[in-house]
Amino acid sequence: MRERKAPSGSGLFLIELLFGLLIFALTAAVCLQIFVGSHRISNESNRLNHAVVMAQNGAECFKASGGDLRDTAMLIKGHLYSDDVVFKYFDSEWNSVFTISFDEAGKATNAAYVLEIRRLPEQNGHMVIAGEAVVSDVAGHVIFSIPVAALNREAL
């Protein structure tokens, strides 16, 4: 006759170990999704904070220059493209870009963000010149916009 061996507890131990690894893998996947989401939110918050600061700087320069876009362009070291618009370009790290190159579609290729300061249409005889400071990405999606008003020095 053959001898019977007593069952060892190793089979049950392996199943318990597999369940433990499965639970660990699931919680690790959930934590990884949370970390990726928080990183995305942090990047978006950082981008919005920079956009707010750049728009506020542009608005303050517009007010300091009395609504004169030539003076505003000199103060922010931007480019005056028409009598009603000043542009300043930034790379993806929010450093100023002074030499701009454009693709066939007219989009800046070496810049990621643009600050645009516009003078709104004037209403004759008013003491205030209205404008707007807009920060957007080069695709044209507005990140932040702030209205601005300056005293009309010529009307004083």
Protein backbone atom coordinates (compact mmCIF):
# COMPACT_ATOMS: atom_id res chain seq x y z
CA MET A 1 0.00 0.00 0.00
CA ARG A 2 0.96 3.48 -0.66
CA GLU A 3 1.39 6.01 2.02
CA ARG A 4 -0.77 9.11 1.99
CA LYS A 5 0.87 12.43 2.52
CA ALA A 6 -0.80 14.97 4.69
CA PRO A 7 -1.92 18.06 2.73
CA SER A 8 0.33 21.02 3.21
CA GLY A 9 -1.02 24.56 3.62
CA SER A 10 1.08 25.96 0.77
CA GLY A 11 -1.79 25.94 -1.80
CA LEU A 12 -3.96 28.11 0.43
CA PHE A 13 -1.00 30.38 1.15
CA LEU A 14 -0.40 30.93 -2.61
CA ILE A 15 -4.05 31.84 -3.23
CA GLU A 16 -3.95 34.29 -0.32
CA LEU A 17 -0.73 35.78 -1.69
CA LEU A 18 -2.28 36.21 -5.17
CA PHE A 19 -5.30 37.99 -3.70
CA GLY A 20 -3.01 40.29 -1.78
CA LEU A 21 -1.05 41.11 -4.94
CA LEU A 22 -4.29 41.75 -6.85
CA ILE A 23 -5.54 44.17 -4.21
CA PHE A 24 -2.15 45.91 -4.15
CA ALA A 25 -2.15 46.24 -7.98
CA LEU A 26 -5.66 47.72 -8.00
CA THR A 27 -4.87 50.29 -5.30
CA ALA A 28 -1.61 51.17 -7.07
CA ALA A 29 -3.52 51.78 -10.33
CA VAL A 30 -6.01 54.04 -8.54
CA CYS A 31 -3.20 55.98 -6.85
CA LEU A 32 -1.39 56.37 -10.17
CA GLN A 33 -4.53 57.86 -11.75
CA ILE A 34 -4.85 60.27 -8.84
CA PHE A 35 -1.23 61.38 -9.18
CA VAL A 36 -1.54 61.88 -12.94
CA GLY A 37 -4.74 63.91 -12.45
CA SER A 38 -3.13 66.07 -9.78
CA HIS A 39 -0.12 66.69 -12.04
CA ARG A 40 -2.43 67.81 -14.85
CA ILE A 41 -4.35 70.12 -12.50
CA SER A 42 -1.06 71.53 -11.17
CA ASN A 43 0.16 72.29 -14.71
CA GLU A 44 -3.14 73.95 -15.62
CA SER A 45 -3.03 76.03 -12.43
CA ASN A 46 0.55 77.08 -13.15
CA ARG A 47 -0.41 78.10 -16.70
CA LEU A 48 -3.38 80.11 -15.42
CA ASN A 49 -1.26 81.86 -12.77
CA HIS A 50 1.31 82.90 -15.36
CA ALA A 51 -1.44 84.11 -17.71
CA VAL A 52 -3.03 86.21 -14.97
CA VAL A 53 0.30 87.84 -14.08
CA MET A 54 1.13 88.60 -17.73
CA ALA A 55 -2.34 90.06 -18.38
CA GLN A 56 -2.13 92.21 -15.24
CA ASN A 57 1.33 93.46 -16.25
CA GLY A 58 0.03 94.35 -19.70
CA ALA A 59 -3.01 96.10 -18.25
CA GLU A 60 -0.87 98.14 -15.86
CA CYS A 61 1.43 99.19 -18.69
CA PHE A 62 -1.61 100.21 -20.76
CA LYS A 63 -2.86 102.35 -17.86
CA ALA A 64 0.60 103.82 -17.19
CA SER A 65 0.94 104.85 -20.82
CA GLY A 66 -2.45 106.56 -20.82
CA GLY A 67 -3.80 104.15 -23.42
CA ASP A 68 -1.03 104.90 -25.92
CA LEU A 69 -0.15 101.58 -27.52
CA ARG A 70 3.26 102.74 -28.75
CA ASP A 71 4.29 103.47 -25.16
CA THR A 72 2.64 100.24 -24.01
CA ALA A 73 4.66 98.25 -26.56
CA MET A 74 7.88 99.87 -25.30
CA LEU A 75 7.00 99.21 -21.65
CA ILE A 76 6.24 95.51 -22.13
CA LYS A 77 8.90 95.07 -24.85
CA GLY A 78 6.22 93.88 -27.24
CA HIS A 79 5.42 94.38 -30.90
CA LEU A 80 3.00 97.04 -32.15
CA TYR A 81 1.34 95.50 -35.22
CA SER A 82 -1.32 98.09 -35.81
CA ASP A 83 -2.54 101.22 -34.12
CA ASP A 84 -4.93 99.16 -32.01
CA VAL A 85 -3.02 95.98 -31.02
CA VAL A 86 0.21 95.13 -29.18
CA PHE A 87 1.52 91.55 -29.06
CA LYS A 88 4.08 89.94 -26.81
CA TYR A 89 5.04 86.30 -27.29
CA PHE A 90 6.20 83.72 -24.71
CA ASP A 91 7.67 80.23 -24.99
CA SER A 92 6.32 77.23 -23.09
CA GLU A 93 8.28 78.26 -19.97
CA TRP A 94 6.83 81.82 -20.09
CA ASN A 95 10.10 83.41 -21.20
CA SER A 96 9.79 86.29 -23.65
CA VAL A 97 10.32 85.47 -27.32
CA PHE A 98 11.60 88.44 -29.28
CA THR A 99 12.09 86.93 -32.75
CA ILE A 100 8.93 85.30 -34.03
CA SER A 101 8.65 82.90 -36.95
CA PHE A 102 5.28 81.96 -38.45
CA ASP A 103 4.06 78.93 -40.38
CA GLU A 104 1.88 78.99 -43.52
CA ALA A 105 -1.29 79.28 -41.42
CA GLY A 106 0.04 82.40 -39.68
CA LYS A 107 0.67 80.77 -36.29
CA ALA A 108 3.86 81.42 -34.35
CA THR A 109 6.08 78.35 -34.45
CA ASN A 110 8.58 79.24 -31.72
CA ALA A 111 6.09 80.62 -29.19
CA ALA A 112 3.49 78.92 -27.01
CA TYR A 113 1.57 81.87 -25.55
CA VAL A 114 0.72 85.40 -26.62
CA LEU A 115 -0.28 88.51 -24.70
CA GLU A 116 -2.49 90.77 -26.78
CA ILE A 117 -3.36 94.28 -25.64
CA ARG A 118 -6.16 95.86 -27.62
CA ARG A 119 -7.61 99.31 -27.53
CA LEU A 120 -11.38 99.11 -27.81
CA PRO A 121 -13.21 101.46 -30.18
CA GLU A 122 -13.19 104.99 -28.79
CA GLN A 123 -16.24 106.98 -28.00
CA ASN A 124 -15.54 110.61 -28.81
CA GLY A 125 -15.18 113.02 -25.94
CA HIS A 126 -14.67 110.47 -23.21
CA MET A 127 -11.97 110.85 -20.60
CA VAL A 128 -11.35 107.12 -20.45
CA ILE A 129 -9.72 104.89 -23.05
CA ALA A 130 -10.97 101.32 -22.81
CA GLY A 131 -8.84 98.32 -23.63
CA GLU A 132 -8.40 94.64 -23.01
CA ALA A 133 -5.44 92.44 -22.12
CA VAL A 134 -5.85 88.87 -23.37
CA VAL A 135 -3.48 85.93 -22.85
CA SER A 136 -4.03 82.95 -25.12
CA ASP A 137 -2.10 80.04 -26.52
CA VAL A 138 -0.91 80.30 -30.11
CA ALA A 139 -3.86 78.17 -31.24
CA GLY A 140 -6.11 81.02 -30.14
CA HIS A 141 -7.64 79.50 -27.01
CA VAL A 142 -8.08 82.29 -24.46
CA ILE A 143 -6.53 81.49 -21.08
CA PHE A 144 -7.26 84.77 -19.32
CA SER A 145 -8.71 88.13 -20.26
CA ILE A 146 -8.96 91.34 -18.27
CA PRO A 147 -10.61 94.66 -19.20
CA VAL A 148 -8.56 97.78 -18.64
CA ALA A 149 -9.24 101.50 -18.74
CA ALA A 150 -6.80 104.41 -18.87
CA LEU A 151 -7.27 108.14 -18.48
CA ASN A 152 -7.24 109.92 -21.80
CA ARG A 153 -4.40 112.43 -21.43
CA GLU A 154 -5.51 114.36 -24.49
CA ALA A 155 -8.99 114.95 -23.05
CA LEU A 156 -7.61 116.45 -19.84
